[in-house]
Amino acid sequence: MVATARNVDTITDLVADHGVTAALHLDVTDEASIRNCMTGAGEIDVVVNNAGFEVAGPVELVPLEDIRRMFEVNYFGVIRMVQAFTPRMRHRGHGVFVNVSSAAGRVSGPFNGFYAGTKHALEALSDSMHYELGHFGIRTIVIEPGAIATNFQANIVHSGDRTPPYDELREQWDAGADNLRGGGDRPGPDLVAGVIADAIDDAIVGAPSPRRIPVGEDAKLAIGASRSMDDAEFEATMRQVLNLTW
């Protein structure tokens, strides 16, 4: 098992404590970095594409350069990884790609239209991968977490959602988000890691498993409701749950 990060110092503890054999530098926006990582990793049967960050703000105000930078990581970074590792998997006749999407990949809300856009795009890409690569024994799994207690929130790049004229909506949205979890704390990353590990185990042994797996009660609620209702009913329901009057 190989762990990767742009800053390898943040994952060295995995080698000592979690059975990881190597910690390698990887920047998914850099093709040379991906090639070097492939050389260091050797033969890989499973690739978990989880690099990503969020740019949050109203459609009116977020700078285009920030949006492009996010797409380079969240979407084009996955494409680079898939294009790099698919040939070897296809030659061997087996492999697994785990694409970490988000509940936002199925349901968009205020201020996350651009982040959700990267995840909607990843969902579409994953569908195409399923149909194209399944023929060669390569499985594609999509993980859709809701709000998880990690450093992700602290690294969100905010643009214009905390000042007028959109600050009132931001306050309502943040306050209402707790209702989706029933007022409880956000689950930790171990929940997502466990779901990914179980999905990989199922894929390796050829067990039937869903292509998309929501993780967290908020993700299950939002995605389930959006699938079972028309647009107007879903909006009315979510406004009620979130106490959203904007």
Protein backbone atom coordinates (compact mmCIF):
# COMPACT_ATOMS: atom_id res chain seq x y z
CA MET A 1 0.00 0.00 0.00
CA VAL A 2 1.37 3.38 -1.03
CA ALA A 3 0.25 6.76 0.36
CA THR A 4 0.74 9.99 -1.56
CA ALA A 5 0.55 13.70 -0.83
CA ARG A 6 1.91 16.98 -2.10
CA ASN A 7 3.61 17.36 1.30
CA VAL A 8 4.99 13.95 2.19
CA ASP A 9 5.72 15.05 5.75
CA THR A 10 1.97 14.99 6.47
CA ILE A 11 1.71 11.24 5.80
CA THR A 12 4.95 9.75 7.11
CA ASP A 13 3.11 8.48 10.20
CA LEU A 14 1.10 6.17 7.95
CA VAL A 15 4.23 4.20 7.13
CA ALA A 16 4.96 3.57 10.78
CA ASP A 17 1.46 2.96 12.08
CA HIS A 18 -0.88 1.81 9.31
CA GLY A 19 0.96 -0.71 7.17
CA VAL A 20 1.78 1.71 4.36
CA THR A 21 4.93 0.59 2.56
CA ALA A 22 5.88 3.97 1.09
CA ALA A 23 4.94 7.64 1.30
CA LEU A 24 5.44 9.34 -2.05
CA HIS A 25 5.16 12.89 -3.32
CA LEU A 26 2.30 13.42 -5.74
CA ASP A 27 0.85 16.55 -7.32
CA VAL A 28 -2.07 15.57 -9.55
CA THR A 29 -1.75 18.83 -11.51
CA ASP A 30 1.77 17.87 -12.62
CA GLU A 31 2.20 15.04 -15.14
CA ALA A 32 5.88 14.66 -14.29
CA SER A 33 4.98 14.18 -10.64
CA ILE A 34 2.47 11.49 -11.61
CA ARG A 35 5.08 9.66 -13.72
CA ASN A 36 7.60 9.77 -10.88
CA CYS A 37 4.99 8.47 -8.48
CA MET A 38 4.15 5.59 -10.81
CA THR A 39 7.82 4.64 -10.95
CA GLY A 40 8.13 4.69 -7.18
CA ALA A 41 4.88 2.83 -6.56
CA GLY A 42 5.43 -0.09 -8.93
CA GLU A 43 2.45 -2.22 -9.95
CA ILE A 44 -0.75 -0.74 -8.54
CA ASP A 45 -4.09 -2.56 -8.48
CA VAL A 46 -6.17 0.16 -6.78
CA VAL A 47 -6.06 3.94 -7.19
CA VAL A 48 -8.02 6.16 -4.80
CA ASN A 49 -8.52 9.60 -6.33
CA ASN A 50 -9.20 11.84 -3.33
CA ALA A 51 -7.19 15.01 -3.99
CA GLY A 52 -9.40 18.07 -3.85
CA PHE A 53 -10.36 21.36 -2.27
CA GLU A 54 -13.28 23.78 -2.37
CA VAL A 55 -13.71 27.32 -3.60
CA ALA A 56 -16.92 28.66 -2.06
CA GLY A 57 -18.89 31.73 -2.98
CA PRO A 58 -21.78 33.13 -5.00
CA VAL A 59 -21.68 32.60 -8.75
CA GLU A 60 -21.53 36.36 -9.20
CA LEU A 61 -18.32 36.91 -7.28
CA VAL A 62 -15.87 33.98 -7.38
CA PRO A 63 -12.79 34.80 -9.51
CA LEU A 64 -12.42 32.63 -12.60
CA GLU A 65 -8.78 31.87 -11.82
CA ASP A 66 -9.82 30.27 -8.51
CA ILE A 67 -12.44 28.17 -10.30
CA ARG A 68 -9.95 26.99 -12.91
CA ARG A 69 -7.41 26.08 -10.24
CA MET A 70 -10.01 23.97 -8.42
CA PHE A 71 -11.01 22.16 -11.61
CA GLU A 72 -7.33 21.41 -12.29
CA VAL A 73 -7.13 19.51 -9.01
CA ASN A 74 -10.63 18.08 -8.48
CA TYR A 75 -11.42 17.06 -12.06
CA PHE A 76 -8.46 17.19 -14.41
CA GLY A 77 -6.27 15.70 -11.68
CA VAL A 78 -8.46 12.60 -11.68
CA ILE A 79 -8.29 12.40 -15.46
CA ARG A 80 -4.50 12.54 -15.36
CA MET A 81 -4.38 9.72 -12.82
CA VAL A 82 -6.84 7.56 -14.74
CA GLN A 83 -5.02 8.04 -18.03
CA ALA A 84 -1.70 7.23 -16.36
CA PHE A 85 -2.73 4.06 -14.54
CA THR A 86 -5.34 2.56 -16.87
CA PRO A 87 -2.94 1.03 -19.44
CA ARG A 88 -1.24 -1.18 -16.84
CA MET A 89 -4.54 -2.24 -15.30
CA ARG A 90 -5.99 -3.00 -18.71
CA HIS A 91 -2.94 -5.07 -19.63
CA ARG A 92 -3.28 -7.13 -16.44
CA GLY A 93 -7.05 -7.46 -16.83
CA HIS A 94 -8.01 -6.09 -13.42
CA GLY A 95 -7.93 -2.95 -11.30
CA VAL A 96 -10.05 -0.58 -9.25
CA PHE A 97 -10.47 3.19 -9.40
CA VAL A 98 -12.12 4.82 -6.39
CA ASN A 99 -13.20 8.36 -7.23
CA VAL A 100 -14.00 10.38 -4.13
CA SER A 101 -16.83 12.66 -5.15
CA SER A 102 -19.21 14.31 -2.69
CA ALA A 103 -22.88 14.62 -1.86
CA ALA A 104 -22.40 17.90 -3.72
CA GLY A 105 -21.81 15.82 -6.83
CA ARG A 106 -25.50 14.92 -6.75
CA VAL A 107 -27.08 17.92 -4.95
CA SER A 108 -25.92 21.52 -5.29
CA GLY A 109 -26.63 24.35 -2.87
CA PRO A 110 -25.78 28.01 -2.50
CA PHE A 111 -22.11 28.94 -2.57
CA ASN A 112 -20.88 25.52 -3.69
CA GLY A 113 -21.93 25.69 -7.33
CA PHE A 114 -18.36 25.59 -8.60
CA TYR A 115 -17.18 22.90 -6.19
CA ALA A 116 -20.32 20.91 -6.97
CA GLY A 117 -19.53 21.47 -10.63
CA THR A 118 -16.20 19.66 -10.23
CA LYS A 119 -17.97 16.78 -8.50
CA HIS A 120 -20.86 16.63 -10.99
CA ALA A 121 -18.19 16.39 -13.69
CA LEU A 122 -16.44 13.62 -11.74
CA GLU A 123 -19.72 11.71 -11.48
CA ALA A 124 -20.16 11.90 -15.26
CA LEU A 125 -16.56 10.86 -15.85
CA SER A 126 -17.02 7.90 -13.52
CA ASP A 127 -20.07 6.73 -15.47
CA SER A 128 -18.06 6.74 -18.68
CA MET A 129 -15.20 4.92 -16.95
CA HIS A 130 -17.64 2.26 -15.74
CA TYR A 131 -18.85 1.49 -19.25
CA GLU A 132 -15.47 1.77 -20.96
CA LEU A 133 -13.18 0.08 -18.45
CA GLY A 134 -15.46 -2.58 -17.01
CA HIS A 135 -14.91 -4.59 -20.20
CA PHE A 136 -11.23 -4.91 -19.19
CA GLY A 137 -11.95 -5.99 -15.62
CA ILE A 138 -11.45 -2.52 -14.15
CA ARG A 139 -14.05 -1.43 -11.59
CA THR A 140 -15.01 2.21 -10.96
CA ILE A 141 -16.46 3.14 -7.56
CA VAL A 142 -17.77 6.58 -6.59
CA ILE A 143 -17.73 7.63 -2.92
CA GLU A 144 -20.06 10.50 -1.97
CA PRO A 145 -19.30 11.84 1.53
CA GLY A 146 -21.36 14.49 3.25
CA ALA A 147 -19.83 16.78 5.87
CA ILE A 148 -16.87 15.02 7.48
CA ALA A 149 -14.73 16.28 10.38
CA THR A 150 -11.40 16.89 8.63
CA ASN A 151 -9.19 19.86 7.77
CA PHE A 152 -11.15 20.26 4.53
CA GLN A 153 -13.40 22.98 5.98
CA ALA A 154 -10.45 25.02 7.21
CA ASN A 155 -8.93 25.02 3.71
CA ILE A 156 -12.02 26.28 1.86
CA VAL A 157 -11.31 29.40 -0.19
CA HIS A 158 -14.17 31.85 0.41
CA SER A 159 -15.06 34.63 -2.01
CA GLY A 160 -17.89 37.03 -1.25
CA ASP A 161 -20.13 34.74 0.80
CA ARG A 162 -19.36 36.31 4.17
CA THR A 163 -20.01 39.95 3.26
CA PRO A 164 -23.09 41.76 1.88
CA PRO A 165 -25.17 41.12 -0.08
CA TYR A 166 -24.84 37.34 0.49
CA ASP A 167 -23.80 37.15 4.16
CA GLU A 168 -27.36 36.60 5.41
CA LEU A 169 -27.78 33.58 3.17
CA ARG A 170 -24.43 32.20 4.35
CA GLU A 171 -25.54 32.48 7.99
CA GLN A 172 -28.82 30.68 7.27
CA TRP A 173 -27.13 27.98 5.22
CA ASP A 174 -24.46 27.24 7.82
CA ALA A 175 -27.00 27.13 10.64
CA GLY A 176 -29.32 24.87 8.69
CA ALA A 177 -26.64 22.40 7.66
CA ASP A 178 -26.60 20.97 11.19
CA ASN A 179 -30.22 19.91 10.73
CA LEU A 180 -29.22 17.50 7.98
CA ARG A 181 -27.14 15.61 10.54
CA GLY A 182 -29.88 15.71 13.17
CA GLY A 183 -27.83 18.17 15.19
CA GLY A 184 -25.03 15.68 15.81
CA ASP A 185 -21.32 16.11 15.28
CA ARG A 186 -19.76 15.47 11.93
CA PRO A 187 -18.44 11.93 11.58
CA GLY A 188 -14.69 11.48 11.38
CA PRO A 189 -12.65 10.41 8.36
CA ASP A 190 -12.50 6.82 9.63
CA LEU A 191 -16.09 6.41 8.45
CA VAL A 192 -15.15 7.28 4.88
CA ALA A 193 -11.95 5.21 5.01
CA GLY A 194 -13.93 2.18 6.18
CA VAL A 195 -16.47 2.52 3.39
CA ILE A 196 -13.69 2.82 0.82
CA ALA A 197 -11.86 -0.22 2.21
CA ASP A 198 -15.03 -2.35 2.15
CA ALA A 199 -15.85 -1.24 -1.41
CA ILE A 200 -12.34 -2.12 -2.56
CA ASP A 201 -12.53 -5.54 -0.92
CA ASP A 202 -15.85 -6.22 -2.69
CA ALA A 203 -14.44 -5.09 -6.03
CA ILE A 204 -11.30 -7.21 -5.73
CA VAL A 205 -13.24 -10.42 -5.05
CA GLY A 206 -15.84 -9.56 -7.70
CA ALA A 207 -18.72 -9.18 -5.24
CA PRO A 208 -21.70 -7.13 -6.43
CA SER A 209 -21.65 -3.65 -4.97
CA PRO A 210 -23.20 -0.26 -5.75
CA ARG A 211 -21.33 2.01 -8.13
CA ARG A 212 -22.14 5.04 -5.96
CA ILE A 213 -21.94 5.01 -2.16
CA PRO A 214 -23.18 7.99 -0.10
CA VAL A 215 -21.37 8.32 3.24
CA GLY A 216 -22.90 10.07 6.25
CA GLU A 217 -26.50 10.64 7.23
CA ASP A 218 -26.59 14.09 5.60
CA ALA A 219 -25.38 12.67 2.29
CA LYS A 220 -27.88 9.83 2.40
CA LEU A 221 -30.74 12.18 3.27
CA ALA A 222 -29.98 14.81 0.63
CA ILE A 223 -29.21 12.36 -2.19
CA GLY A 224 -32.14 10.09 -1.34
CA ALA A 225 -34.57 12.99 -1.22
CA SER A 226 -33.35 14.45 -4.51
CA ARG A 227 -33.84 11.11 -6.24
CA SER A 228 -37.34 10.56 -4.91
CA MET A 229 -38.81 14.05 -5.52
CA ASP A 230 -39.27 16.47 -8.36
CA ASP A 231 -37.36 19.75 -8.24
CA ALA A 232 -40.09 21.83 -6.61
CA GLU A 233 -40.86 19.23 -3.93
CA PHE A 234 -37.19 18.75 -3.16
CA GLU A 235 -36.56 22.49 -2.82
CA ALA A 236 -39.58 22.92 -0.54
CA THR A 237 -38.46 20.00 1.64
CA MET A 238 -34.88 21.18 1.95
CA ARG A 239 -35.97 24.74 2.72
CA GLN A 240 -38.08 23.38 5.55
CA VAL A 241 -35.33 21.12 6.89
CA LEU A 242 -32.74 23.89 6.68
CA ASN A 243 -35.04 26.68 7.92
CA LEU A 244 -34.03 28.61 4.81
CA THR A 245 -36.08 31.77 4.21
CA TRP A 246 -33.75 33.55 1.74
